[in-house]
Amino acid sequence: MTDKPILYSFRRCPYAMRARMSIVRSDFHVEHREVILRDRPQHMMEISPKGTVPVLLLSDGTVIEESLEIMQHVLDWQLSEIETQWISRNDDEFKFHLDRYKYPNRYEDVESLHHRQQASMYLNELNAFLVEGGITSSLSDALFPFVRQFANHDRDWFDSQSWNNIHEWLSSNLESSEFKTCMKKYKQWHQGDDAVHFPIIV
């Protein structure tokens, strides 16, 4: 057992990012262990053999291996029907096209611009949804790291699109104090290193 929950994370991973955002918002203190995915720690692999981040080890020995489940745990978040729908579309539909837009060489017979167009259909609907002003901070945190990743692949093109609500929403999240805390840089964790506490306000 541990004195404090342990979070295995990777700074740039959008799944780990949204887990860290929920930890920051809820002031849920953890021991942070930064992972380099090509050099995964043995302890992380022992508690979570699938080898992906984030992984949260609770003080009672419970292991939570999915980012959304970490969010639900630390926020005590019960998803509404509309939240479930948007997260499902983000994690399945949008992420599918995002990966093929950003990393076309990893897949066979992939046309990057086709997948950008398909991902844009989701963003068109998200832009309209944001007009309604009903997005919660939890849902926002679950979605925006993936939109950030999409935007950064070709920022000039993204900024030229008429998604005024998405541009404003994304900028607000990226400029927030919570995101700055979430994105603090940590060195790679190795067995025997001193504990690193998270969140630390920056």
N, C-alpha and C. Protein backbone atom coordinates (compact mmCIF):
# COMPACT_ATOMS: atom_id res chain seq x y z
N MET A 1 0.83 -1.19 0.00
CA MET A 1 0.00 0.00 0.00
C MET A 1 0.88 1.26 0.00
N THR A 2 0.33 2.40 -0.40
CA THR A 2 1.07 3.64 -0.47
C THR A 2 0.43 4.69 0.42
N ASP A 3 1.24 5.67 0.84
CA ASP A 3 0.71 6.75 1.66
C ASP A 3 -0.17 7.68 0.85
N LYS A 4 0.12 7.81 -0.41
CA LYS A 4 -0.61 8.72 -1.29
C LYS A 4 -0.84 8.02 -2.62
N PRO A 5 -1.99 8.27 -3.28
CA PRO A 5 -2.20 7.67 -4.60
C PRO A 5 -1.04 7.99 -5.55
N ILE A 6 -0.73 7.06 -6.43
CA ILE A 6 0.35 7.23 -7.40
C ILE A 6 -0.27 7.36 -8.80
N LEU A 7 0.15 8.39 -9.52
CA LEU A 7 -0.30 8.60 -10.89
C LEU A 7 0.86 8.41 -11.84
N TYR A 8 0.76 7.42 -12.73
CA TYR A 8 1.69 7.29 -13.85
C TYR A 8 1.11 8.07 -15.02
N SER A 9 1.91 8.97 -15.56
CA SER A 9 1.40 9.89 -16.57
C SER A 9 2.47 10.18 -17.61
N PHE A 10 2.03 10.72 -18.73
CA PHE A 10 2.93 11.19 -19.79
C PHE A 10 2.41 12.56 -20.22
N ARG A 11 3.23 13.56 -20.14
CA ARG A 11 2.80 14.95 -20.24
C ARG A 11 1.96 15.23 -21.48
N ARG A 12 2.36 14.73 -22.65
CA ARG A 12 1.71 15.12 -23.89
C ARG A 12 0.51 14.23 -24.27
N CYS A 13 0.29 13.15 -23.56
CA CYS A 13 -0.82 12.25 -23.90
C CYS A 13 -2.14 12.90 -23.54
N PRO A 14 -3.09 13.02 -24.48
CA PRO A 14 -4.36 13.67 -24.16
C PRO A 14 -5.19 12.93 -23.12
N TYR A 15 -5.06 11.61 -23.07
CA TYR A 15 -5.77 10.85 -22.04
C TYR A 15 -5.21 11.18 -20.66
N ALA A 16 -3.90 11.18 -20.55
CA ALA A 16 -3.27 11.54 -19.28
C ALA A 16 -3.55 12.99 -18.92
N MET A 17 -3.61 13.83 -19.93
CA MET A 17 -3.86 15.25 -19.71
C MET A 17 -5.23 15.47 -19.07
N ARG A 18 -6.25 14.77 -19.59
CA ARG A 18 -7.56 15.02 -19.01
C ARG A 18 -7.68 14.44 -17.61
N ALA A 19 -6.95 13.36 -17.34
CA ALA A 19 -6.92 12.84 -15.97
C ALA A 19 -6.26 13.85 -15.04
N ARG A 20 -5.15 14.44 -15.47
CA ARG A 20 -4.47 15.44 -14.64
C ARG A 20 -5.34 16.68 -14.44
N MET A 21 -6.08 17.08 -15.45
CA MET A 21 -6.98 18.23 -15.29
C MET A 21 -8.00 17.98 -14.19
N SER A 22 -8.54 16.78 -14.14
CA SER A 22 -9.53 16.47 -13.10
C SER A 22 -8.87 16.46 -11.72
N ILE A 23 -7.64 16.00 -11.65
CA ILE A 23 -6.90 15.99 -10.39
C ILE A 23 -6.64 17.41 -9.91
N VAL A 24 -6.27 18.29 -10.84
CA VAL A 24 -6.04 19.69 -10.49
C VAL A 24 -7.33 20.33 -10.00
N ARG A 25 -8.41 20.14 -10.74
CA ARG A 25 -9.68 20.79 -10.39
C ARG A 25 -10.22 20.33 -9.04
N SER A 26 -10.00 19.07 -8.72
CA SER A 26 -10.54 18.53 -7.48
C SER A 26 -9.56 18.62 -6.32
N ASP A 27 -8.33 19.13 -6.60
CA ASP A 27 -7.28 19.21 -5.57
C ASP A 27 -7.05 17.84 -4.95
N PHE A 28 -7.01 16.82 -5.80
CA PHE A 28 -6.80 15.43 -5.39
C PHE A 28 -5.31 15.16 -5.48
N HIS A 29 -4.61 15.12 -4.37
CA HIS A 29 -3.15 15.08 -4.38
C HIS A 29 -2.64 13.66 -4.62
N VAL A 30 -1.65 13.56 -5.50
CA VAL A 30 -1.06 12.28 -5.87
C VAL A 30 0.46 12.41 -5.88
N GLU A 31 1.11 11.25 -5.90
CA GLU A 31 2.53 11.19 -6.25
C GLU A 31 2.61 11.03 -7.75
N HIS A 32 3.25 11.97 -8.42
CA HIS A 32 3.31 11.98 -9.88
C HIS A 32 4.56 11.27 -10.37
N ARG A 33 4.37 10.33 -11.29
CA ARG A 33 5.49 9.62 -11.89
C ARG A 33 5.41 9.77 -13.41
N GLU A 34 6.32 10.57 -13.95
CA GLU A 34 6.35 10.84 -15.39
C GLU A 34 6.96 9.65 -16.13
N VAL A 35 6.26 9.20 -17.15
CA VAL A 35 6.64 8.00 -17.90
C VAL A 35 7.14 8.38 -19.29
N ILE A 36 8.18 7.74 -19.73
CA ILE A 36 8.59 7.75 -21.14
C ILE A 36 8.11 6.42 -21.72
N LEU A 37 7.23 6.49 -22.72
CA LEU A 37 6.52 5.28 -23.15
C LEU A 37 7.44 4.22 -23.75
N ARG A 38 8.59 4.60 -24.25
CA ARG A 38 9.51 3.59 -24.77
C ARG A 38 10.34 2.95 -23.66
N ASP A 39 10.17 3.45 -22.43
CA ASP A 39 10.95 2.97 -21.28
C ASP A 39 10.03 2.92 -20.06
N ARG A 40 9.00 2.08 -20.16
CA ARG A 40 7.97 2.03 -19.13
C ARG A 40 8.53 1.43 -17.83
N PRO A 41 8.16 2.02 -16.69
CA PRO A 41 8.66 1.50 -15.41
C PRO A 41 8.12 0.10 -15.12
N GLN A 42 8.94 -0.72 -14.49
CA GLN A 42 8.53 -2.08 -14.16
C GLN A 42 7.31 -2.09 -13.25
N HIS A 43 7.29 -1.19 -12.27
CA HIS A 43 6.17 -1.18 -11.32
C HIS A 43 4.85 -0.87 -12.04
N MET A 44 4.89 0.08 -12.98
CA MET A 44 3.68 0.40 -13.73
C MET A 44 3.18 -0.81 -14.51
N MET A 45 4.11 -1.55 -15.12
CA MET A 45 3.73 -2.72 -15.90
C MET A 45 3.19 -3.83 -15.00
N GLU A 46 3.67 -3.89 -13.77
CA GLU A 46 3.18 -4.91 -12.83
C GLU A 46 1.73 -4.64 -12.43
N ILE A 47 1.40 -3.38 -12.20
CA ILE A 47 0.03 -3.06 -11.77
C ILE A 47 -0.92 -2.88 -12.93
N SER A 48 -0.37 -2.60 -14.12
CA SER A 48 -1.20 -2.37 -15.31
C SER A 48 -0.47 -2.88 -16.55
N PRO A 49 -0.55 -4.18 -16.82
CA PRO A 49 0.23 -4.80 -17.90
C PRO A 49 -0.08 -4.24 -19.29
N LYS A 50 -1.21 -3.57 -19.48
CA LYS A 50 -1.50 -3.03 -20.81
C LYS A 50 -0.53 -1.91 -21.19
N GLY A 51 0.11 -1.30 -20.20
CA GLY A 51 1.23 -0.41 -20.48
C GLY A 51 0.88 0.95 -21.03
N THR A 52 -0.35 1.39 -20.85
CA THR A 52 -0.74 2.72 -21.31
C THR A 52 -0.96 3.64 -20.11
N VAL A 53 -0.88 4.94 -20.37
CA VAL A 53 -1.15 5.93 -19.34
C VAL A 53 -2.45 6.65 -19.68
N PRO A 54 -3.09 7.21 -18.64
CA PRO A 54 -2.68 7.27 -17.24
C PRO A 54 -3.05 6.00 -16.48
N VAL A 55 -2.36 5.78 -15.37
CA VAL A 55 -2.69 4.73 -14.42
C VAL A 55 -2.67 5.35 -13.03
N LEU A 56 -3.74 5.12 -12.27
CA LEU A 56 -3.82 5.65 -10.92
C LEU A 56 -3.90 4.48 -9.94
N LEU A 57 -2.90 4.43 -9.04
CA LEU A 57 -2.87 3.42 -7.98
C LEU A 57 -3.32 4.08 -6.69
N LEU A 58 -4.49 3.66 -6.17
CA LEU A 58 -5.02 4.25 -4.94
C LEU A 58 -4.31 3.69 -3.72
N SER A 59 -4.48 4.37 -2.61
CA SER A 59 -3.80 3.98 -1.38
C SER A 59 -4.22 2.61 -0.89
N ASP A 60 -5.43 2.16 -1.27
CA ASP A 60 -5.89 0.84 -0.83
C ASP A 60 -5.48 -0.27 -1.79
N GLY A 61 -4.69 0.07 -2.81
CA GLY A 61 -4.22 -0.92 -3.77
C GLY A 61 -5.07 -1.03 -5.02
N THR A 62 -6.19 -0.32 -5.09
CA THR A 62 -7.03 -0.32 -6.29
C THR A 62 -6.30 0.36 -7.44
N VAL A 63 -6.37 -0.24 -8.63
CA VAL A 63 -5.75 0.32 -9.82
C VAL A 63 -6.84 0.79 -10.77
N ILE A 64 -6.76 2.04 -11.20
CA ILE A 64 -7.69 2.59 -12.19
C ILE A 64 -6.89 2.88 -13.45
N GLU A 65 -7.24 2.21 -14.55
CA GLU A 65 -6.40 2.21 -15.75
C GLU A 65 -6.95 3.07 -16.90
N GLU A 66 -8.14 3.61 -16.77
CA GLU A 66 -8.72 4.39 -17.86
C GLU A 66 -8.88 5.84 -17.43
N SER A 67 -8.56 6.76 -18.34
CA SER A 67 -8.59 8.18 -18.01
C SER A 67 -9.97 8.64 -17.56
N LEU A 68 -11.00 8.20 -18.24
CA LEU A 68 -12.35 8.63 -17.89
C LEU A 68 -12.73 8.12 -16.50
N GLU A 69 -12.32 6.90 -16.18
CA GLU A 69 -12.62 6.35 -14.85
C GLU A 69 -11.85 7.09 -13.76
N ILE A 70 -10.64 7.55 -14.07
CA ILE A 70 -9.91 8.39 -13.12
C ILE A 70 -10.66 9.70 -12.89
N MET A 71 -11.14 10.31 -13.97
CA MET A 71 -11.91 11.54 -13.84
C MET A 71 -13.14 11.32 -12.97
N GLN A 72 -13.85 10.24 -13.24
CA GLN A 72 -15.07 9.97 -12.48
C GLN A 72 -14.75 9.74 -11.00
N HIS A 73 -13.63 9.10 -10.74
CA HIS A 73 -13.26 8.81 -9.35
C HIS A 73 -12.92 10.08 -8.59
N VAL A 74 -12.01 10.88 -9.14
CA VAL A 74 -11.53 12.03 -8.37
C VAL A 74 -12.55 13.15 -8.31
N LEU A 75 -13.44 13.23 -9.31
CA LEU A 75 -14.45 14.28 -9.33
C LEU A 75 -15.79 13.82 -8.75
N ASP A 76 -15.90 12.52 -8.46
CA ASP A 76 -17.19 11.94 -8.07
C ASP A 76 -18.24 12.34 -9.12
N TRP A 77 -17.90 12.04 -10.37
CA TRP A 77 -18.64 12.54 -11.53
C TRP A 77 -19.55 11.45 -12.08
N GLN A 78 -20.84 11.74 -12.09
CA GLN A 78 -21.82 10.86 -12.71
C GLN A 78 -22.19 11.46 -14.07
N LEU A 79 -21.81 10.80 -15.14
CA LEU A 79 -22.01 11.36 -16.48
C LEU A 79 -23.48 11.42 -16.83
N SER A 80 -23.87 12.54 -17.42
CA SER A 80 -25.21 12.65 -17.98
C SER A 80 -25.25 11.96 -19.33
N GLU A 81 -26.43 11.83 -19.88
CA GLU A 81 -26.57 11.17 -21.19
C GLU A 81 -25.83 11.95 -22.26
N ILE A 82 -25.97 13.29 -22.24
CA ILE A 82 -25.32 14.09 -23.27
C ILE A 82 -23.80 14.06 -23.10
N GLU A 83 -23.31 14.03 -21.86
CA GLU A 83 -21.87 13.92 -21.64
C GLU A 83 -21.34 12.58 -22.15
N THR A 84 -22.08 11.53 -21.87
CA THR A 84 -21.68 10.20 -22.35
C THR A 84 -21.60 10.17 -23.87
N GLN A 85 -22.55 10.80 -24.54
CA GLN A 85 -22.58 10.82 -26.00
C GLN A 85 -21.37 11.56 -26.56
N TRP A 86 -21.06 12.73 -25.99
CA TRP A 86 -19.94 13.51 -26.52
C TRP A 86 -18.60 12.83 -26.26
N ILE A 87 -18.44 12.24 -25.10
CA ILE A 87 -17.18 11.56 -24.81
C ILE A 87 -17.02 10.33 -25.70
N SER A 88 -18.10 9.61 -25.92
CA SER A 88 -18.04 8.46 -26.81
C SER A 88 -17.64 8.88 -28.22
N ARG A 89 -18.22 9.95 -28.71
CA ARG A 89 -17.88 10.42 -30.05
C ARG A 89 -16.43 10.90 -30.11
N ASN A 90 -15.98 11.57 -29.06
CA ASN A 90 -14.60 12.04 -29.01
C ASN A 90 -13.62 10.87 -29.02
N ASP A 91 -13.87 9.90 -28.15
CA ASP A 91 -12.91 8.81 -27.96
C ASP A 91 -12.93 7.79 -29.09
N ASP A 92 -14.02 7.71 -29.80
CA ASP A 92 -14.13 6.74 -30.89
C ASP A 92 -14.03 7.44 -32.25
N GLU A 93 -15.04 8.17 -32.60
CA GLU A 93 -15.11 8.81 -33.93
C GLU A 93 -13.98 9.81 -34.16
N PHE A 94 -13.87 10.81 -33.28
CA PHE A 94 -12.90 11.89 -33.50
C PHE A 94 -11.46 11.37 -33.38
N LYS A 95 -11.20 10.57 -32.34
CA LYS A 95 -9.84 10.07 -32.14
C LYS A 95 -9.39 9.18 -33.30
N PHE A 96 -10.30 8.42 -33.87
CA PHE A 96 -9.98 7.58 -35.03
C PHE A 96 -9.43 8.44 -36.17
N HIS A 97 -10.13 9.52 -36.49
CA HIS A 97 -9.71 10.38 -37.60
C HIS A 97 -8.51 11.24 -37.21
N LEU A 98 -8.44 11.67 -35.96
CA LEU A 98 -7.30 12.45 -35.50
C LEU A 98 -6.00 11.68 -35.67
N ASP A 99 -5.97 10.43 -35.27
CA ASP A 99 -4.76 9.63 -35.39
C ASP A 99 -4.31 9.49 -36.84
N ARG A 100 -5.26 9.30 -37.73
CA ARG A 100 -4.93 9.11 -39.15
C ARG A 100 -4.61 10.42 -39.86
N TYR A 101 -5.10 11.50 -39.34
CA TYR A 101 -4.73 12.82 -39.85
C TYR A 101 -3.32 13.17 -39.41
N LYS A 102 -3.00 12.92 -38.14
CA LYS A 102 -1.71 13.32 -37.59
C LYS A 102 -0.59 12.33 -37.92
N TYR A 103 -0.93 11.04 -37.95
CA TYR A 103 0.09 10.01 -38.14
C TYR A 103 -0.26 9.10 -39.32
N PRO A 104 -0.40 9.62 -40.54
CA PRO A 104 -0.83 8.79 -41.67
C PRO A 104 0.14 7.67 -41.99
N ASN A 105 1.42 7.84 -41.68
CA ASN A 105 2.41 6.81 -42.01
C ASN A 105 2.28 5.56 -41.15
N ARG A 106 1.52 5.65 -40.08
CA ARG A 106 1.33 4.49 -39.21
C ARG A 106 0.26 3.53 -39.75
N TYR A 107 -0.46 3.97 -40.76
CA TYR A 107 -1.59 3.19 -41.26
C TYR A 107 -1.44 2.95 -42.76
N GLU A 108 -2.05 1.91 -43.24
CA GLU A 108 -2.00 1.61 -44.67
C GLU A 108 -3.13 2.31 -45.41
N ASP A 109 -2.81 2.79 -46.61
CA ASP A 109 -3.81 3.38 -47.50
C ASP A 109 -4.62 4.48 -46.81
N VAL A 110 -3.90 5.39 -46.17
CA VAL A 110 -4.55 6.49 -45.46
C VAL A 110 -4.25 7.81 -46.17
N GLU A 111 -5.30 8.60 -46.39
CA GLU A 111 -5.17 9.94 -46.94
C GLU A 111 -5.43 10.93 -45.81
N SER A 112 -4.39 11.63 -45.38
CA SER A 112 -4.47 12.50 -44.21
C SER A 112 -5.58 13.54 -44.33
N LEU A 113 -5.71 14.17 -45.49
CA LEU A 113 -6.70 15.23 -45.64
C LEU A 113 -8.13 14.69 -45.59
N HIS A 114 -8.32 13.46 -46.02
CA HIS A 114 -9.65 12.84 -45.89
C HIS A 114 -10.02 12.75 -44.41
N HIS A 115 -9.09 12.34 -43.58
CA HIS A 115 -9.41 12.19 -42.16
C HIS A 115 -9.51 13.54 -41.47
N ARG A 116 -8.81 14.55 -41.97
CA ARG A 116 -9.02 15.90 -41.45
C ARG A 116 -10.45 16.36 -41.74
N GLN A 117 -10.92 16.06 -42.94
CA GLN A 117 -12.30 16.43 -43.31
C GLN A 117 -13.31 15.70 -42.44
N GLN A 118 -13.09 14.41 -42.19
CA GLN A 118 -14.01 13.65 -41.36
C GLN A 118 -14.00 14.15 -39.91
N ALA A 119 -12.82 14.45 -39.40
CA ALA A 119 -12.74 15.00 -38.05
C ALA A 119 -13.42 16.36 -37.97
N SER A 120 -13.37 17.11 -39.06
CA SER A 120 -13.98 18.44 -39.08
C SER A 120 -15.50 18.37 -38.95
N MET A 121 -16.09 17.29 -39.39
CA MET A 121 -17.54 17.13 -39.24
C MET A 121 -17.91 17.07 -37.76
N TYR A 122 -17.11 16.37 -36.97
CA TYR A 122 -17.32 16.33 -35.52
C TYR A 122 -17.14 17.74 -34.93
N LEU A 123 -16.10 18.45 -35.37
CA LEU A 123 -15.83 19.78 -34.83
C LEU A 123 -16.92 20.77 -35.21
N ASN A 124 -17.50 20.61 -36.38
CA ASN A 124 -18.64 21.46 -36.75
C ASN A 124 -19.78 21.32 -35.75
N GLU A 125 -20.05 20.08 -35.35
CA GLU A 125 -21.13 19.83 -34.40
C GLU A 125 -20.75 20.29 -33.00
N LEU A 126 -19.48 20.11 -32.63
CA LEU A 126 -19.04 20.59 -31.33
C LEU A 126 -19.11 22.11 -31.27
N ASN A 127 -18.77 22.77 -32.35
CA ASN A 127 -18.86 24.23 -32.40
C ASN A 127 -20.30 24.69 -32.16
N ALA A 128 -21.24 23.99 -32.76
CA ALA A 128 -22.66 24.32 -32.56
C ALA A 128 -23.10 24.02 -31.13
N PHE A 129 -22.61 22.93 -30.57
CA PHE A 129 -22.96 22.56 -29.20
C PHE A 129 -22.47 23.61 -28.21
N LEU A 130 -21.31 24.18 -28.46
CA LEU A 130 -20.75 25.17 -27.56
C LEU A 130 -21.57 26.45 -27.54
N VAL A 131 -22.32 26.71 -28.62
CA VAL A 131 -23.20 27.88 -28.66
C VAL A 131 -24.23 27.80 -27.55
N GLU A 132 -24.66 26.59 -27.24
CA GLU A 132 -25.69 26.40 -26.23
C GLU A 132 -25.20 26.72 -24.83
N GLY A 133 -23.87 26.75 -24.63
CA GLY A 133 -23.31 27.16 -23.36
C GLY A 133 -23.52 26.19 -22.21
N GLY A 134 -23.84 24.93 -22.52
CA GLY A 134 -24.14 23.99 -21.46
C GLY A 134 -23.02 23.02 -21.14
N ILE A 135 -21.83 23.25 -21.67
CA ILE A 135 -20.74 22.32 -21.43
C ILE A 135 -20.19 22.51 -20.01
N THR A 136 -20.08 21.44 -19.28
CA THR A 136 -19.54 21.49 -17.93
C THR A 136 -18.01 21.49 -17.98
N SER A 137 -17.39 21.88 -16.87
CA SER A 137 -15.92 21.87 -16.84
C SER A 137 -15.39 20.45 -16.98
N SER A 138 -16.11 19.47 -16.43
CA SER A 138 -15.66 18.08 -16.53
C SER A 138 -15.70 17.60 -17.97
N LEU A 139 -16.79 17.86 -18.66
CA LEU A 139 -16.89 17.46 -20.06
C LEU A 139 -15.86 18.20 -20.90
N SER A 140 -15.69 19.48 -20.62
CA SER A 140 -14.70 20.27 -21.34
C SER A 140 -13.30 19.67 -21.20
N ASP A 141 -12.95 19.29 -19.97
CA ASP A 141 -11.63 18.70 -19.74
C ASP A 141 -11.48 17.35 -20.44
N ALA A 142 -12.58 16.62 -20.60
CA ALA A 142 -12.53 15.32 -21.26
C ALA A 142 -12.30 15.46 -22.77
N LEU A 143 -12.69 16.60 -23.33
CA LEU A 143 -12.64 16.78 -24.78
C LEU A 143 -11.47 17.63 -25.27
N PHE A 144 -11.17 18.73 -24.58
CA PHE A 144 -10.28 19.71 -25.19
C PHE A 144 -8.84 19.23 -25.43
N PRO A 145 -8.28 18.29 -24.64
CA PRO A 145 -6.91 17.85 -24.97
C PRO A 145 -6.80 17.22 -26.36
N PHE A 146 -7.88 16.61 -26.83
CA PHE A 146 -7.87 15.98 -28.15
C PHE A 146 -8.03 17.04 -29.24
N VAL A 147 -8.86 18.04 -28.99
CA VAL A 147 -9.00 19.15 -29.94
C VAL A 147 -7.68 19.93 -30.01
N ARG A 148 -7.03 20.09 -28.88
CA ARG A 148 -5.72 20.74 -28.85
C ARG A 148 -4.74 19.99 -29.75
N GLN A 149 -4.72 18.68 -29.65
CA GLN A 149 -3.81 17.88 -30.46
C GLN A 149 -4.11 18.05 -31.95
N PHE A 150 -5.39 18.04 -32.29
CA PHE A 150 -5.80 18.25 -33.68
C PHE A 150 -5.36 19.63 -34.16
N ALA A 151 -5.61 20.65 -33.34
CA ALA A 151 -5.29 22.03 -33.73
C ALA A 151 -3.79 22.21 -33.96
N ASN A 152 -2.98 21.59 -33.13
CA ASN A 152 -1.53 21.81 -33.20
C ASN A 152 -0.87 21.15 -34.40
N HIS A 153 -1.57 20.22 -35.03
CA HIS A 153 -0.96 19.55 -36.18
C HIS A 153 -0.77 20.50 -37.36
N ASP A 154 -1.72 21.40 -37.56
CA ASP A 154 -1.61 22.44 -38.60
C ASP A 154 -2.35 23.66 -38.07
N ARG A 155 -1.65 24.43 -37.25
CA ARG A 155 -2.32 25.51 -36.52
C ARG A 155 -2.84 26.60 -37.45
N ASP A 156 -2.12 26.91 -38.49
CA ASP A 156 -2.58 27.94 -39.42
C ASP A 156 -3.90 27.53 -40.05
N TRP A 157 -3.99 26.29 -40.50
CA TRP A 157 -5.24 25.82 -41.10
C TRP A 157 -6.37 25.83 -40.06
N PHE A 158 -6.09 25.31 -38.89
CA PHE A 158 -7.10 25.25 -37.83
C PHE A 158 -7.62 26.65 -37.50
N ASP A 159 -6.72 27.60 -37.36
CA ASP A 159 -7.12 28.95 -36.98
C ASP A 159 -7.91 29.64 -38.09
N SER A 160 -7.77 29.15 -39.31
CA SER A 160 -8.50 29.77 -40.43
C SER A 160 -9.94 29.27 -40.56
N GLN A 161 -10.29 28.24 -39.81
CA GLN A 161 -11.63 27.67 -39.89
C GLN A 161 -12.63 28.52 -39.09
N SER A 162 -13.88 28.48 -39.52
CA SER A 162 -14.90 29.35 -38.93
C SER A 162 -15.55 28.71 -37.70
N TRP A 163 -14.71 28.18 -36.83
CA TRP A 163 -15.20 27.58 -35.58
C TRP A 163 -14.98 28.57 -34.44
N ASN A 164 -15.70 29.69 -34.49
CA ASN A 164 -15.45 30.75 -33.53
C ASN A 164 -15.60 30.28 -32.08
N ASN A 165 -16.60 29.45 -31.85
CA ASN A 165 -16.84 28.99 -30.48
C ASN A 165 -15.73 28.04 -30.02
N ILE A 166 -15.28 27.17 -30.91
CA ILE A 166 -14.19 26.26 -30.57
C ILE A 166 -12.91 27.04 -30.31
N HIS A 167 -12.62 28.04 -31.15
CA HIS A 167 -11.41 28.83 -30.96
C HIS A 167 -11.42 29.50 -29.58
N GLU A 168 -12.55 30.09 -29.23
CA GLU A 168 -12.65 30.78 -27.95
C GLU A 168 -12.57 29.79 -26.78
N TRP A 169 -13.27 28.66 -26.91
CA TRP A 169 -13.29 27.63 -25.87
C TRP A 169 -11.90 27.03 -25.67
N LEU A 170 -11.24 26.70 -26.77
CA LEU A 170 -9.91 26.09 -26.67
C LEU A 170 -8.92 27.07 -26.05
N SER A 171 -8.95 28.31 -26.50
CA SER A 171 -8.03 29.32 -25.95
C SER A 171 -8.24 29.52 -24.46
N SER A 172 -9.50 29.54 -24.05
CA SER A 172 -9.82 29.71 -22.63
C SER A 172 -9.23 28.58 -21.80
N ASN A 173 -9.33 27.36 -22.30
CA ASN A 173 -8.77 26.22 -21.59
C ASN A 173 -7.24 26.27 -21.56
N LEU A 174 -6.63 26.59 -22.69
CA LEU A 174 -5.18 26.59 -22.77
C LEU A 174 -4.55 27.69 -21.93
N GLU A 175 -5.29 28.79 -21.73
CA GLU A 175 -4.77 29.91 -20.97
C GLU A 175 -5.11 29.83 -19.49
N SER A 176 -5.84 28.81 -19.08
CA SER A 176 -6.30 28.72 -17.70
C SER A 176 -5.16 28.34 -16.75
N SER A 177 -5.30 28.75 -15.51
CA SER A 177 -4.30 28.39 -14.50
C SER A 177 -4.29 26.89 -14.26
N GLU A 178 -5.45 26.25 -14.38
CA GLU A 178 -5.53 24.80 -14.21
C GLU A 178 -4.70 24.08 -15.26
N PHE A 179 -4.76 24.55 -16.50
CA PHE A 179 -3.99 23.90 -17.56
C PHE A 179 -2.49 24.11 -17.36
N LYS A 180 -2.12 25.31 -16.94
CA LYS A 180 -0.69 25.57 -16.68
C LYS A 180 -0.17 24.63 -15.59
N THR A 181 -0.97 24.39 -14.56
CA THR A 181 -0.57 23.45 -13.51
C THR A 181 -0.51 22.04 -14.07
N CYS A 182 -1.50 21.69 -14.87
CA CYS A 182 -1.57 20.36 -15.49
C CYS A 182 -0.34 20.07 -16.34
N MET A 183 0.18 21.07 -17.00
CA MET A 183 1.25 20.87 -17.98
C MET A 183 2.65 21.17 -17.44
N LYS A 184 2.78 21.29 -16.13
CA LYS A 184 4.10 21.46 -15.54
C LYS A 184 5.00 20.29 -15.97
N LYS A 185 6.24 20.57 -16.29
CA LYS A 185 7.16 19.54 -16.77
C LYS A 185 7.82 18.82 -15.60
N TYR A 186 7.90 17.51 -15.74
CA TYR A 186 8.58 16.67 -14.75
C TYR A 186 9.58 15.78 -15.48
N LYS A 187 10.68 15.48 -14.83
CA LYS A 187 11.65 14.56 -15.41
C LYS A 187 11.11 13.14 -15.34
N GLN A 188 11.66 12.27 -16.18
CA GLN A 188 11.26 10.87 -16.17
C GLN A 188 11.49 10.26 -14.79
N TRP A 189 10.49 9.50 -14.31
CA TRP A 189 10.60 8.86 -13.00
C TRP A 189 11.38 7.56 -13.12
N HIS A 190 12.24 7.31 -12.12
CA HIS A 190 12.96 6.05 -12.00
C HIS A 190 12.78 5.52 -10.59
N GLN A 191 12.80 4.21 -10.46
CA GLN A 191 12.70 3.58 -9.15
C GLN A 191 13.75 4.16 -8.20
N GLY A 192 13.31 4.55 -7.01
CA GLY A 192 14.23 5.12 -6.04
C GLY A 192 14.23 6.63 -6.01
N ASP A 193 13.61 7.29 -7.01
CA ASP A 193 13.54 8.75 -7.01
C ASP A 193 12.68 9.24 -5.84
N ASP A 194 12.98 10.45 -5.38
CA ASP A 194 12.14 11.08 -4.38
C ASP A 194 10.73 11.29 -4.94
N ALA A 195 9.75 11.25 -4.06
CA ALA A 195 8.36 11.45 -4.48
C ALA A 195 8.16 12.86 -5.01
N VAL A 196 7.41 12.98 -6.10
CA VAL A 196 7.05 14.27 -6.68
C VAL A 196 5.55 14.46 -6.47
N HIS A 197 5.19 15.54 -5.81
CA HIS A 197 3.80 15.77 -5.46
C HIS A 197 3.08 16.56 -6.56
N PHE A 198 1.85 16.21 -6.80
CA PHE A 198 1.03 16.86 -7.83
C PHE A 198 -0.40 16.95 -7.31
N PRO A 199 -1.10 18.08 -7.49
CA PRO A 199 -0.64 19.26 -8.22
C PRO A 199 0.20 20.20 -7.37
N ILE A 200 1.11 20.87 -8.05
CA ILE A 200 1.84 21.99 -7.48
C ILE A 200 1.48 23.21 -8.32
N ILE A 201 0.89 24.21 -7.69
CA ILE A 201 0.40 25.37 -8.43
C ILE A 201 1.58 26.13 -9.02
N VAL A 202 1.47 26.46 -10.31
CA VAL A 202 2.54 27.20 -10.99
C VAL A 202 2.05 28.57 -11.39
